[in-house]
């Protein structure tokens, strides 16, 4: 049985996580528009674009899971009779969204950093 304070904390962290996902996605937008101007070999440009698209898609899944965690936590408060079901769902979606964000967020930042570093040369 999860406590009310823990479910509230999960809800707050999920909202913050969703905001961080949007911030990382906002970091990708300017770089993806300028990718043709960056000093990357022509044959690698398509590969980099596909890589960025895959990473952004993975972050979109993380955002979706964070938002599901928020809605599930909200449902936990609204329906006290179904709290056991909501707890099972929270115990799945919240950690998965964190893992998705940590793994794919790191790779997005690493790719964007390397591309920006090449652009500055």
PDB file of N, CA and C in Angstrom:
ATOM      1  N   UNK A   1       0.840  -1.182   0.000  1.00  0.00           N
ATOM      2  CA  UNK A   1       0.000   0.000   0.000  1.00  0.00           C
ATOM      3  C   UNK A   1       0.884   1.244   0.000  1.00  0.00           C
ATOM      4  N   UNK A   2       0.721   2.049  -0.991  1.00  0.00           N
ATOM      5  CA  UNK A   2       1.480   3.292  -1.091  1.00  0.00           C
ATOM      6  C   UNK A   2       0.830   4.369  -0.239  1.00  0.00           C
ATOM      7  N   UNK A   3       1.658   5.211   0.344  1.00  0.00           N
ATOM      8  CA  UNK A   3       1.115   6.299   1.155  1.00  0.00           C
ATOM      9  C   UNK A   3       0.709   7.460   0.257  1.00  0.00           C
ATOM     10  N   UNK A   4      -0.114   8.314   0.804  1.00  0.00           N
ATOM     11  CA  UNK A   4      -0.583   9.478   0.053  1.00  0.00           C
ATOM     12  C   UNK A   4       0.575  10.403  -0.303  1.00  0.00           C
ATOM     13  N   UNK A   5       1.523  10.559   0.617  1.00  0.00           N
ATOM     14  CA  UNK A   5       2.661  11.444   0.348  1.00  0.00           C
ATOM     15  C   UNK A   5       3.558  10.875  -0.756  1.00  0.00           C
ATOM     16  N   UNK A   6       3.694   9.552  -0.822  1.00  0.00           N
ATOM     17  CA  UNK A   6       4.496   8.947  -1.876  1.00  0.00           C
ATOM     18  C   UNK A   6       3.834   9.111  -3.243  1.00  0.00           C
ATOM     19  N   UNK A   7       2.540   8.909  -3.305  1.00  0.00           N
ATOM     20  CA  UNK A   7       1.822   9.078  -4.576  1.00  0.00           C
ATOM     21  C   UNK A   7       1.874  10.538  -5.016  1.00  0.00           C
ATOM     22  N   UNK A   8       1.772  11.445  -4.075  1.00  0.00           N
ATOM     23  CA  UNK A   8       1.892  12.869  -4.400  1.00  0.00           C
ATOM     24  C   UNK A   8       3.285  13.179  -4.933  1.00  0.00           C
ATOM     25  N   UNK A   9       4.315  12.612  -4.310  1.00  0.00           N
ATOM     26  CA  UNK A   9       5.685  12.831  -4.772  1.00  0.00           C
ATOM     27  C   UNK A   9       5.887  12.248  -6.173  1.00  0.00           C
ATOM     28  N   UNK A  10       5.325  11.061  -6.428  1.00  0.00           N
ATOM     29  CA  UNK A  10       5.433  10.463  -7.762  1.00  0.00           C
ATOM     30  C   UNK A  10       4.755  11.353  -8.793  1.00  0.00           C
ATOM     31  N   UNK A  11       3.616  11.917  -8.427  1.00  0.00           N
ATOM     32  CA  UNK A  11       2.907  12.810  -9.345  1.00  0.00           C
ATOM     33  C   UNK A  11       3.752  14.046  -9.650  1.00  0.00           C
ATOM     34  N   UNK A  12       4.350  14.638  -8.625  1.00  0.00           N
ATOM     35  CA  UNK A  12       5.169  15.831  -8.820  1.00  0.00           C
ATOM     36  C   UNK A  12       6.409  15.533  -9.656  1.00  0.00           C
ATOM     37  N   UNK A  13       7.055  14.408  -9.367  1.00  0.00           N
ATOM     38  CA  UNK A  13       8.258  14.040 -10.113  1.00  0.00           C
ATOM     39  C   UNK A  13       7.911  13.715 -11.565  1.00  0.00           C
ATOM     40  N   UNK A  14       6.764  13.113 -11.794  1.00  0.00           N
ATOM     41  CA  UNK A  14       6.348  12.792 -13.159  1.00  0.00           C
ATOM     42  C   UNK A  14       6.084  14.056 -13.963  1.00  0.00           C
ATOM     43  N   UNK A  15       5.466  15.030 -13.343  1.00  0.00           N
ATOM     44  CA  UNK A  15       5.226  16.311 -14.028  1.00  0.00           C
ATOM     45  C   UNK A  15       6.561  16.989 -14.340  1.00  0.00           C
ATOM     46  N   UNK A  16       7.485  16.965 -13.382  1.00  0.00           N
ATOM     47  CA  UNK A  16       8.808  17.539 -13.604  1.00  0.00           C
ATOM     48  C   UNK A  16       9.561  16.781 -14.699  1.00  0.00           C
ATOM     49  N   UNK A  17       9.458  15.452 -14.678  1.00  0.00           N
ATOM     50  CA  UNK A  17      10.108  14.636 -15.712  1.00  0.00           C
ATOM     51  C   UNK A  17       9.572  14.935 -17.092  1.00  0.00           C
ATOM     52  N   UNK A  18       8.265  15.115 -17.191  1.00  0.00           N
ATOM     53  CA  UNK A  18       7.667  15.455 -18.484  1.00  0.00           C
ATOM     54  C   UNK A  18       8.193  16.807 -18.968  1.00  0.00           C
ATOM     55  N   UNK A  19       8.356  17.743 -18.061  1.00  0.00           N
ATOM     56  CA  UNK A  19       8.914  19.043 -18.428  1.00  0.00           C
ATOM     57  C   UNK A  19      10.365  18.939 -18.878  1.00  0.00           C
ATOM     58  N   UNK A  20      11.135  18.069 -18.228  1.00  0.00           N
ATOM     59  CA  UNK A  20      12.522  17.871 -18.646  1.00  0.00           C
ATOM     60  C   UNK A  20      12.604  17.225 -20.023  1.00  0.00           C
ATOM     61  N   UNK A  21      11.693  16.310 -20.313  1.00  0.00           N
ATOM     62  CA  UNK A  21      11.663  15.703 -21.643  1.00  0.00           C
ATOM     63  C   UNK A  21      11.402  16.777 -22.689  1.00  0.00           C
ATOM     64  N   UNK A  22      10.463  17.662 -22.410  1.00  0.00           N
ATOM     65  CA  UNK A  22      10.189  18.746 -23.357  1.00  0.00           C
ATOM     66  C   UNK A  22      11.397  19.663 -23.514  1.00  0.00           C
ATOM     67  N   UNK A  23      12.140  19.897 -22.437  1.00  0.00           N
ATOM     68  CA  UNK A  23      13.332  20.737 -22.516  1.00  0.00           C
ATOM     69  C   UNK A  23      14.409  20.091 -23.389  1.00  0.00           C
ATOM     70  N   UNK A  24      14.587  18.781 -23.246  1.00  0.00           N
ATOM     71  CA  UNK A  24      15.574  18.081 -24.074  1.00  0.00           C
ATOM     72  C   UNK A  24      15.137  18.089 -25.535  1.00  0.00           C
ATOM     73  N   UNK A  25      13.844  17.915 -25.766  1.00  0.00           N
ATOM     74  CA  UNK A  25      13.350  17.968 -27.145  1.00  0.00           C
ATOM     75  C   UNK A  25      13.547  19.362 -27.742  1.00  0.00           C
ATOM     76  N   UNK A  26      13.411  20.387 -26.918  1.00  0.00           N
ATOM     77  CA  UNK A  26      13.652  21.752 -27.396  1.00  0.00           C
ATOM     78  C   UNK A  26      15.126  21.967 -27.728  1.00  0.00           C
ATOM     79  N   UNK A  27      16.000  21.215 -27.091  1.00  0.00           N
ATOM     80  CA  UNK A  27      17.426  21.283 -27.403  1.00  0.00           C
ATOM     81  C   UNK A  27      17.722  20.690 -28.779  1.00  0.00           C
ATOM     82  N   UNK A  28      16.941  19.684 -29.172  1.00  0.00           N
ATOM     83  CA  UNK A  28      17.173  18.992 -30.443  1.00  0.00           C
ATOM     84  C   UNK A  28      16.691  19.824 -31.629  1.00  0.00           C
ATOM     85  N   UNK A  29      15.634  20.588 -31.465  1.00  0.00           N
ATOM     86  CA  UNK A  29      15.012  21.298 -32.590  1.00  0.00           C
ATOM     87  C   UNK A  29      15.979  22.196 -33.359  1.00  0.00           C
ATOM     88  N   UNK A  30      16.740  23.079 -32.716  1.00  0.00           N
ATOM     89  CA  UNK A  30      17.638  23.935 -33.499  1.00  0.00           C
ATOM     90  C   UNK A  30      18.745  23.154 -34.205  1.00  0.00           C
ATOM     91  N   UNK A  31      19.223  22.105 -33.564  1.00  0.00           N
ATOM     92  CA  UNK A  31      20.300  21.321 -34.159  1.00  0.00           C
ATOM     93  C   UNK A  31      19.796  20.560 -35.377  1.00  0.00           C
ATOM     94  N   UNK A  32      18.596  20.027 -35.294  1.00  0.00           N
ATOM     95  CA  UNK A  32      18.080  19.248 -36.419  1.00  0.00           C
ATOM     96  C   UNK A  32      17.838  20.127 -37.647  1.00  0.00           C
ATOM     97  N   UNK A  33      17.529  21.389 -37.430  1.00  0.00           N
ATOM     98  CA  UNK A  33      17.337  22.300 -38.567  1.00  0.00           C
ATOM     99  C   UNK A  33      18.656  22.673 -39.238  1.00  0.00           C
ATOM    100  N   UNK A  34      19.739  22.694 -38.454  1.00  0.00           N
ATOM    101  CA  UNK A  34      21.030  23.117 -38.984  1.00  0.00           C
ATOM    102  C   UNK A  34      21.939  21.941 -39.337  1.00  0.00           C
ATOM    103  N   UNK A  35      21.427  20.742 -39.339  1.00  0.00           N
ATOM    104  CA  UNK A  35      22.293  19.574 -39.498  1.00  0.00           C
ATOM    105  C   UNK A  35      22.996  19.540 -40.846  1.00  0.00           C
ATOM    106  N   UNK A  36      22.395  20.105 -41.878  1.00  0.00           N
ATOM    107  CA  UNK A  36      23.037  20.110 -43.189  1.00  0.00           C
ATOM    108  C   UNK A  36      24.223  21.070 -43.250  1.00  0.00           C
ATOM    109  N   UNK A  37      24.256  22.044 -42.351  1.00  0.00           N
ATOM    110  CA  UNK A  37      25.338  23.026 -42.342  1.00  0.00           C
ATOM    111  C   UNK A  37      26.523  22.573 -41.490  1.00  0.00           C
ATOM    112  N   UNK A  38      26.316  21.537 -40.680  1.00  0.00           N
ATOM    113  CA  UNK A  38      27.365  21.057 -39.782  1.00  0.00           C
ATOM    114  C   UNK A  38      28.364  20.229 -40.590  1.00  0.00           C
ATOM    115  N   UNK A  39      29.607  20.297 -40.192  1.00  0.00           N
ATOM    116  CA  UNK A  39      30.675  19.584 -40.905  1.00  0.00           C
ATOM    117  C   UNK A  39      30.607  18.084 -40.613  1.00  0.00           C
ATOM    118  N   UNK A  40      29.642  17.432 -41.250  1.00  0.00           N
ATOM    119  CA  UNK A  40      29.477  15.985 -41.145  1.00  0.00           C
ATOM    120  C   UNK A  40      29.559  15.452 -42.571  1.00  0.00           C
ATOM    121  N   UNK A  41      30.275  14.354 -42.785  1.00  0.00           N
ATOM    122  CA  UNK A  41      30.322  13.807 -44.142  1.00  0.00           C
ATOM    123  C   UNK A  41      28.915  13.547 -44.684  1.00  0.00           C
ATOM    124  N   UNK A  42      28.768  13.786 -45.985  1.00  0.00           N
ATOM    125  CA  UNK A  42      27.443  13.711 -46.623  1.00  0.00           C
ATOM    126  C   UNK A  42      26.745  12.370 -46.390  1.00  0.00           C
ATOM    127  N   UNK A  43      27.511  11.278 -46.431  1.00  0.00           N
ATOM    128  CA  UNK A  43      26.890   9.959 -46.252  1.00  0.00           C
ATOM    129  C   UNK A  43      26.422   9.722 -44.813  1.00  0.00           C
ATOM    130  N   UNK A  44      26.954  10.506 -43.868  1.00  0.00           N
ATOM    131  CA  UNK A  44      26.566  10.334 -42.473  1.00  0.00           C
ATOM    132  C   UNK A  44      25.375  11.205 -42.071  1.00  0.00           C
ATOM    133  N   UNK A  45      25.007  12.179 -42.881  1.00  0.00           N
ATOM    134  CA  UNK A  45      23.918  13.092 -42.517  1.00  0.00           C
ATOM    135  C   UNK A  45      22.611  12.336 -42.346  1.00  0.00           C
ATOM    136  N   UNK A  46      22.296  11.445 -43.285  1.00  0.00           N
ATOM    137  CA  UNK A  46      21.048  10.673 -43.173  1.00  0.00           C
ATOM    138  C   UNK A  46      21.071   9.776 -41.948  1.00  0.00           C
ATOM    139  N   UNK A  47      22.243   9.204 -41.665  1.00  0.00           N
ATOM    140  CA  UNK A  47      22.358   8.336 -40.488  1.00  0.00           C
ATOM    141  C   UNK A  47      22.137   9.127 -39.197  1.00  0.00           C
ATOM    142  N   UNK A  48      22.700  10.318 -39.144  1.00  0.00           N
ATOM    143  CA  UNK A  48      22.529  11.168 -37.961  1.00  0.00           C
ATOM    144  C   UNK A  48      21.070  11.599 -37.823  1.00  0.00           C
ATOM    145  N   UNK A  49      20.432  11.922 -38.943  1.00  0.00           N
ATOM    146  CA  UNK A  49      19.017  12.303 -38.894  1.00  0.00           C
ATOM    147  C   UNK A  49      18.156  11.152 -38.381  1.00  0.00           C
ATOM    148  N   UNK A  50      18.432   9.925 -38.863  1.00  0.00           N
ATOM    149  CA  UNK A  50      17.673   8.753 -38.396  1.00  0.00           C
ATOM    150  C   UNK A  50      17.928   8.493 -36.915  1.00  0.00           C
ATOM    151  N   UNK A  51      19.178   8.671 -36.490  1.00  0.00           N
ATOM    152  CA  UNK A  51      19.518   8.489 -35.085  1.00  0.00           C
ATOM    153  C   UNK A  51      18.759   9.483 -34.215  1.00  0.00           C
ATOM    154  N   UNK A  52      18.763  10.747 -34.615  1.00  0.00           N
ATOM    155  CA  UNK A  52      18.035  11.769 -33.855  1.00  0.00           C
ATOM    156  C   UNK A  52      16.539  11.482 -33.826  1.00  0.00           C
ATOM    157  N   UNK A  53      15.993  11.040 -34.954  1.00  0.00           N
ATOM    158  CA  UNK A  53      14.571  10.717 -34.999  1.00  0.00           C
ATOM    159  C   UNK A  53      14.239   9.567 -34.060  1.00  0.00           C
ATOM    160  N   UNK A  54      15.084   8.554 -34.030  1.00  0.00           N
ATOM    161  CA  UNK A  54      14.868   7.427 -33.127  1.00  0.00           C
ATOM    162  C   UNK A  54      14.957   7.835 -31.668  1.00  0.00           C
ATOM    163  N   UNK A  55      15.943   8.672 -31.354  1.00  0.00           N
ATOM    164  CA  UNK A  55      16.093   9.129 -29.972  1.00  0.00           C
ATOM    165  C   UNK A  55      14.935  10.023 -29.550  1.00  0.00           C
ATOM    166  N   UNK A  56      14.498  10.886 -30.442  1.00  0.00           N
ATOM    167  CA  UNK A  56      13.365  11.760 -30.127  1.00  0.00           C
ATOM    168  C   UNK A  56      12.099  10.933 -29.946  1.00  0.00           C
ATOM    169  N   UNK A  57      11.928   9.908 -30.763  1.00  0.00           N
ATOM    170  CA  UNK A  57      10.764   9.025 -30.606  1.00  0.00           C
ATOM    171  C   UNK A  57      10.801   8.316 -29.263  1.00  0.00           C
ATOM    172  N   UNK A  58      11.971   7.893 -28.845  1.00  0.00           N
ATOM    173  CA  UNK A  58      12.108   7.236 -27.546  1.00  0.00           C
ATOM    174  C   UNK A  58      11.793   8.203 -26.409  1.00  0.00           C
ATOM    175  N   UNK A  59      12.213   9.452 -26.564  1.00  0.00           N
ATOM    176  CA  UNK A  59      11.878  10.444 -25.545  1.00  0.00           C
ATOM    177  C   UNK A  59      10.383  10.744 -25.541  1.00  0.00           C
ATOM    178  N   UNK A  60       9.753  10.666 -26.692  1.00  0.00           N
ATOM    179  CA  UNK A  60       8.297  10.856 -26.733  1.00  0.00           C
ATOM    180  C   UNK A  60       7.595   9.745 -25.955  1.00  0.00           C
ATOM    181  N   UNK A  61       8.118   8.538 -26.019  1.00  0.00           N
ATOM    182  CA  UNK A  61       7.559   7.443 -25.232  1.00  0.00           C
ATOM    183  C   UNK A  61       7.751   7.726 -23.744  1.00  0.00           C
ATOM    184  N   UNK A  62       8.921   8.243 -23.386  1.00  0.00           N
ATOM    185  CA  UNK A  62       9.163   8.612 -21.988  1.00  0.00           C
ATOM    186  C   UNK A  62       8.170   9.676 -21.526  1.00  0.00           C
ATOM    187  N   UNK A  63       7.927  10.678 -22.376  1.00  0.00           N
ATOM    188  CA  UNK A  63       6.957  11.718 -22.045  1.00  0.00           C
ATOM    189  C   UNK A  63       5.566  11.110 -21.845  1.00  0.00           C
ATOM    190  N   UNK A  64       5.193  10.202 -22.727  1.00  0.00           N
ATOM    191  CA  UNK A  64       3.896   9.534 -22.614  1.00  0.00           C
ATOM    192  C   UNK A  64       3.794   8.760 -21.302  1.00  0.00           C
ATOM    193  N   UNK A  65       4.854   8.047 -20.937  1.00  0.00           N
ATOM    194  CA  UNK A  65       4.834   7.289 -19.686  1.00  0.00           C
ATOM    195  C   UNK A  65       4.778   8.208 -18.469  1.00  0.00           C
ATOM    196  N   UNK A  66       5.480   9.332 -18.530  1.00  0.00           N
ATOM    197  CA  UNK A  66       5.384  10.293 -17.425  1.00  0.00           C
ATOM    198  C   UNK A  66       3.952  10.807 -17.284  1.00  0.00           C
ATOM    199  N   UNK A  67       3.331  11.141 -18.405  1.00  0.00           N
ATOM    200  CA  UNK A  67       1.961  11.645 -18.337  1.00  0.00           C
ATOM    201  C   UNK A  67       0.992  10.568 -17.861  1.00  0.00           C
ATOM    202  N   UNK A  68       1.216   9.318 -18.268  1.00  0.00           N
ATOM    203  CA  UNK A  68       0.392   8.217 -17.754  1.00  0.00           C
ATOM    204  C   UNK A  68       0.573   8.072 -16.250  1.00  0.00           C
ATOM    205  N   UNK A  69       1.794   8.245 -15.772  1.00  0.00           N
ATOM    206  CA  UNK A  69       2.044   8.182 -14.323  1.00  0.00           C
ATOM    207  C   UNK A  69       1.270   9.263 -13.586  1.00  0.00           C
ATOM    208  N   UNK A  70       1.230  10.451 -14.165  1.00  0.00           N
ATOM    209  CA  UNK A  70       0.467  11.545 -13.545  1.00  0.00           C
ATOM    210  C   UNK A  70      -1.017  11.190 -13.499  1.00  0.00           C
ATOM    211  N   UNK A  71      -1.544  10.701 -14.603  1.00  0.00           N
ATOM    212  CA  UNK A  71      -2.972  10.354 -14.648  1.00  0.00           C
ATOM    213  C   UNK A  71      -3.302   9.185 -13.719  1.00  0.00           C
ATOM    214  N   UNK A  72      -2.407   8.219 -13.633  1.00  0.00           N
ATOM    215  CA  UNK A  72      -2.631   7.085 -12.733  1.00  0.00           C
ATOM    216  C   UNK A  72      -2.598   7.546 -11.279  1.00  0.00           C
ATOM    217  N   UNK A  73      -1.644   8.413 -10.936  1.00  0.00           N
ATOM    218  CA  UNK A  73      -1.587   8.946  -9.573  1.00  0.00           C
ATOM    219  C   UNK A  73      -2.841   9.751  -9.259  1.00  0.00           C
ATOM    220  N   UNK A  74      -3.314  10.504 -10.234  1.00  0.00           N
ATOM    221  CA  UNK A  74      -4.557  11.257 -10.047  1.00  0.00           C
ATOM    222  C   UNK A  74      -5.729  10.306  -9.824  1.00  0.00           C
ATOM    223  N   UNK A  75      -5.771   9.220 -10.588  1.00  0.00           N
ATOM    224  CA  UNK A  75      -6.819   8.208 -10.409  1.00  0.00           C
ATOM    225  C   UNK A  75      -6.739   7.548  -9.050  1.00  0.00           C
ATOM    226  N   UNK A  76      -5.521   7.390  -8.525  1.00  0.00           N
ATOM    227  CA  UNK A  76      -5.341   6.803  -7.194  1.00  0.00           C
ATOM    228  C   UNK A  76      -6.054   7.646  -6.145  1.00  0.00           C
ATOM    229  N   UNK A  77      -6.003   8.963  -6.304  1.00  0.00           N
ATOM    230  CA  UNK A  77      -6.684   9.852  -5.369  1.00  0.00           C
ATOM    231  C   UNK A  77      -8.199   9.840  -5.573  1.00  0.00           C
ATOM    232  N   UNK A  78      -8.641   9.731  -6.813  1.00  0.00           N
ATOM    233  CA  UNK A  78     -10.074   9.813  -7.111  1.00  0.00           C
ATOM    234  C   UNK A  78     -10.851   8.551  -6.764  1.00  0.00           C
ATOM    235  N   UNK A  79     -10.233   7.400  -6.908  1.00  0.00           N
ATOM    236  CA  UNK A  79     -10.930   6.131  -6.687  1.00  0.00           C
ATOM    237  C   UNK A  79     -10.245   5.309  -5.605  1.00  0.00           C
ATOM    238  N   UNK A  80     -10.579   5.552  -4.361  1.00  0.00           N
ATOM    239  CA  UNK A  80      -9.935   4.814  -3.270  1.00  0.00           C
ATOM    240  C   UNK A  80     -10.198   3.303  -3.315  1.00  0.00           C
ATOM    241  N   UNK A  81     -11.295   2.873  -3.953  1.00  0.00           N
ATOM    242  CA  UNK A  81     -11.598   1.446  -4.003  1.00  0.00           C
ATOM    243  C   UNK A  81     -10.692   0.690  -4.975  1.00  0.00           C
ATOM    244  N   UNK A  82     -10.141   1.373  -5.956  1.00  0.00           N
ATOM    245  CA  UNK A  82      -9.280   0.743  -6.957  1.00  0.00           C
ATOM    246  C   UNK A  82      -7.802   1.089  -6.763  1.00  0.00           C
ATOM    247  N   UNK A  83      -7.418   1.461  -5.562  1.00  0.00           N
ATOM    248  CA  UNK A  83      -6.045   1.894  -5.341  1.00  0.00           C
ATOM    249  C   UNK A  83      -5.027   0.796  -5.616  1.00  0.00           C
ATOM    250  N   UNK A  84      -5.386  -0.455  -5.388  1.00  0.00           N
ATOM    251  CA  UNK A  84      -4.439  -1.549  -5.632  1.00  0.00           C
ATOM    252  C   UNK A  84      -4.071  -1.623  -7.114  1.00  0.00           C
ATOM    253  N   UNK A  85      -5.054  -1.460  -7.986  1.00  0.00           N
ATOM    254  CA  UNK A  85      -4.790  -1.472  -9.428  1.00  0.00           C
ATOM    255  C   UNK A  85      -3.906  -0.293  -9.816  1.00  0.00           C
ATOM    256  N   UNK A  86      -4.218   0.878  -9.309  1.00  0.00           N
ATOM    257  CA  UNK A  86      -3.422   2.065  -9.624  1.00  0.00           C
ATOM    258  C   UNK A  86      -1.988   1.932  -9.111  1.00  0.00           C
ATOM    259  N   UNK A  87      -1.818   1.290  -7.965  1.00  0.00           N
ATOM    260  CA  UNK A  87      -0.472   1.100  -7.426  1.00  0.00           C
ATOM    261  C   UNK A  87       0.357   0.188  -8.325  1.00  0.00           C
ATOM    262  N   UNK A  88      -0.252  -0.868  -8.843  1.00  0.00           N
ATOM    263  CA  UNK A  88       0.460  -1.766  -9.760  1.00  0.00           C
ATOM    264  C   UNK A  88       0.879  -1.007 -11.014  1.00  0.00           C
ATOM    265  N   UNK A  89      -0.026  -0.210 -11.546  1.00  0.00           N
ATOM    266  CA  UNK A  89       0.298   0.567 -12.744  1.00  0.00           C
ATOM    267  C   UNK A  89       1.389   1.601 -12.476  1.00  0.00           C
ATOM    268  N   UNK A  90       1.301   2.259 -11.313  1.00  0.00           N
ATOM    269  CA  UNK A  90       2.333   3.245 -10.957  1.00  0.00           C
ATOM    270  C   UNK A  90       3.690   2.586 -10.800  1.00  0.00           C
ATOM    271  N   UNK A  91       3.712   1.403 -10.200  1.00  0.00           N
ATOM    272  CA  UNK A  91       4.972   0.701  -9.976  1.00  0.00           C
ATOM    273  C   UNK A  91       5.609   0.249 -11.288  1.00  0.00           C
ATOM    274  N   UNK A  92       4.832   0.211 -12.366  1.00  0.00           N
ATOM    275  CA  UNK A  92       5.394  -0.117 -13.676  1.00  0.00           C
ATOM    276  C   UNK A  92       5.764   1.140 -14.457  1.00  0.00           C
ATOM    277  N   UNK A  93       4.809   2.032 -14.659  1.00  0.00           N
ATOM    278  CA  UNK A  93       5.018   3.166 -15.564  1.00  0.00           C
ATOM    279  C   UNK A  93       6.029   4.179 -15.049  1.00  0.00           C
ATOM    280  N   UNK A  94       6.044   4.445 -13.753  1.00  0.00           N
ATOM    281  CA  UNK A  94       6.955   5.463 -13.236  1.00  0.00           C
ATOM    282  C   UNK A  94       8.424   5.059 -13.383  1.00  0.00           C
ATOM    283  N   UNK A  95       8.826   3.857 -12.957  1.00  0.00           N
ATOM    284  CA  UNK A  95      10.242   3.491 -13.166  1.00  0.00           C
ATOM    285  C   UNK A  95      10.625   3.368 -14.640  1.00  0.00           C
ATOM    286  N   UNK A  96       9.720   2.849 -15.460  1.00  0.00           N
ATOM    287  CA  UNK A  96      10.028   2.705 -16.878  1.00  0.00           C
ATOM    288  C   UNK A  96      10.243   4.075 -17.521  1.00  0.00           C
ATOM    289  N   UNK A  97       9.412   5.047 -17.169  1.00  0.00           N
ATOM    290  CA  UNK A  97       9.586   6.382 -17.737  1.00  0.00           C
ATOM    291  C   UNK A  97      10.912   6.994 -17.302  1.00  0.00           C
ATOM    292  N   UNK A  98      11.317   6.743 -16.065  1.00  0.00           N
ATOM    293  CA  UNK A  98      12.609   7.260 -15.592  1.00  0.00           C
ATOM    294  C   UNK A  98      13.775   6.618 -16.337  1.00  0.00           C
ATOM    295  N   UNK A  99      13.697   5.314 -16.532  1.00  0.00           N
ATOM    296  CA  UNK A  99      14.776   4.618 -17.240  1.00  0.00           C
ATOM    297  C   UNK A  99      14.846   5.101 -18.688  1.00  0.00           C
ATOM    298  N   UNK A 100      13.695   5.210 -19.354  1.00  0.00           N
ATOM    299  CA  UNK A 100      13.679   5.720 -20.731  1.00  0.00           C
ATOM    300  C   UNK A 100      14.324   7.093 -20.790  1.00  0.00           C
ATOM    301  N   UNK A 101      13.953   7.972 -19.871  1.00  0.00           N
ATOM    302  CA  UNK A 101      14.490   9.330 -19.915  1.00  0.00           C
ATOM    303  C   UNK A 101      15.986   9.348 -19.634  1.00  0.00           C
ATOM    304  N   UNK A 102      16.429   8.570 -18.655  1.00  0.00           N
ATOM    305  CA  UNK A 102      17.856   8.568 -18.329  1.00  0.00           C
ATOM    306  C   UNK A 102      18.695   8.036 -19.491  1.00  0.00           C
ATOM    307  N   UNK A 103      18.265   6.949 -20.088  1.00  0.00           N
ATOM    308  CA  UNK A 103      19.053   6.336 -21.161  1.00  0.00           C
ATOM    309  C   UNK A 103      19.001   7.181 -22.426  1.00  0.00           C
ATOM    310  N   UNK A 104      17.805   7.440 -22.917  1.00  0.00           N
ATOM    311  CA  UNK A 104      17.685   8.130 -24.195  1.00  0.00           C
ATOM    312  C   UNK A 104      17.981   9.626 -24.078  1.00  0.00           C
ATOM    313  N   UNK A 105      17.686  10.209 -22.933  1.00  0.00           N
ATOM    314  CA  UNK A 105      18.043  11.613 -22.721  1.00  0.00           C
ATOM    315  C   UNK A 105      19.542  11.815 -22.761  1.00  0.00           C
ATOM    316  N   UNK A 106      20.288  10.872 -22.168  1.00  0.00           N
ATOM    317  CA  UNK A 106      21.749  10.943 -22.212  1.00  0.00           C
ATOM    318  C   UNK A 106      22.244  10.885 -23.653  1.00  0.00           C
ATOM    319  N   UNK A 107      21.711   9.950 -24.437  1.00  0.00           N
ATOM    320  CA  UNK A 107      22.156   9.816 -25.820  1.00  0.00           C
ATOM    321  C   UNK A 107      21.792  11.040 -26.667  1.00  0.00           C
ATOM    322  N   UNK A 108      20.624  11.612 -26.424  1.00  0.00           N
ATOM    323  CA  UNK A 108      20.242  12.819 -27.163  1.00  0.00           C
ATOM    324  C   UNK A 108      21.202  13.947 -26.848  1.00  0.00           C
ATOM    325  N   UNK A 109      21.488  14.153 -25.591  1.00  0.00           N
ATOM    326  CA  UNK A 109      22.403  15.228 -25.206  1.00  0.00           C
ATOM    327  C   UNK A 109      23.801  14.960 -25.769  1.00  0.00           C
ATOM    328  N   UNK A 110      24.243  13.705 -25.757  1.00  0.00           N
ATOM    329  CA  UNK A 110      25.566  13.372 -26.295  1.00  0.00           C
ATOM    330  C   UNK A 110      25.632  13.634 -27.795  1.00  0.00           C
ATOM    331  N   UNK A 111      24.603  13.255 -28.531  1.00  0.00           N
ATOM    332  CA  UNK A 111      24.587  13.477 -29.983  1.00  0.00           C
ATOM    333  C   UNK A 111      24.536  14.968 -30.284  1.00  0.00           C
ATOM    334  N   UNK A 112      23.671  15.691 -29.587  1.00  0.00           N
ATOM    335  CA  UNK A 112      23.559  17.135 -29.817  1.00  0.00           C
ATOM    336  C   UNK A 112      24.874  17.829 -29.454  1.00  0.00           C
ATOM    337  N   UNK A 113      25.499  17.408 -28.372  1.00  0.00           N
ATOM    338  CA  UNK A 113      26.783  17.993 -27.977  1.00  0.00           C
ATOM    339  C   UNK A 113      27.841  17.768 -29.044  1.00  0.00           C
ATOM    340  N   UNK A 114      27.922  16.545 -29.557  1.00  0.00           N
ATOM    341  CA  UNK A 114      28.946  16.278 -30.572  1.00  0.00           C
ATOM    342  C   UNK A 114      28.671  17.053 -31.861  1.00  0.00           C
ATOM    343  N   UNK A 115      27.403  17.198 -32.223  1.00  0.00           N
ATOM    344  CA  UNK A 115      27.080  17.960 -33.419  1.00  0.00           C
ATOM    345  C   UNK A 115      27.381  19.442 -33.237  1.00  0.00           C
ATOM    346  N   UNK A 116      27.061  19.976 -32.065  1.00  0.00           N
ATOM    347  CA  UNK A 116      27.342  21.395 -31.807  1.00  0.00           C
ATOM    348  C   UNK A 116      28.858  21.656 -31.736  1.00  0.00           C
ATOM    349  N   UNK A 117      29.582  20.687 -31.213  1.00  0.00           N
ATOM    350  CA  UNK A 117      31.035  20.811 -31.146  1.00  0.00           C
ATOM    351  C   UNK A 117      31.629  20.854 -32.564  1.00  0.00           C
ATOM    352  N   UNK A 118      31.096  20.020 -33.449  1.00  0.00           N
ATOM    353  CA  UNK A 118      31.562  20.038 -34.843  1.00  0.00           C
ATOM    354  C   UNK A 118      31.222  21.352 -35.525  1.00  0.00           C
ATOM    355  N   UNK A 119      30.067  21.903 -35.182  1.00  0.00           N
ATOM    356  CA  UNK A 119      29.649  23.152 -35.802  1.00  0.00           C
ATOM    357  C   UNK A 119      30.560  24.309 -35.387  1.00  0.00           C
ATOM    358  N   UNK A 120      31.077  24.249 -34.173  1.00  0.00           N
ATOM    359  CA  UNK A 120      31.933  25.332 -33.677  1.00  0.00           C
ATOM    360  C   UNK A 120      33.351  25.261 -34.238  1.00  0.00           C
ATOM    361  N   UNK A 121      33.725  24.132 -34.793  1.00  0.00           N
ATOM    362  CA  UNK A 121      35.089  24.011 -35.351  1.00  0.00           C
ATOM    363  C   UNK A 121      35.245  24.794 -36.620  1.00  0.00           C
TER     364      UNK A 121
END
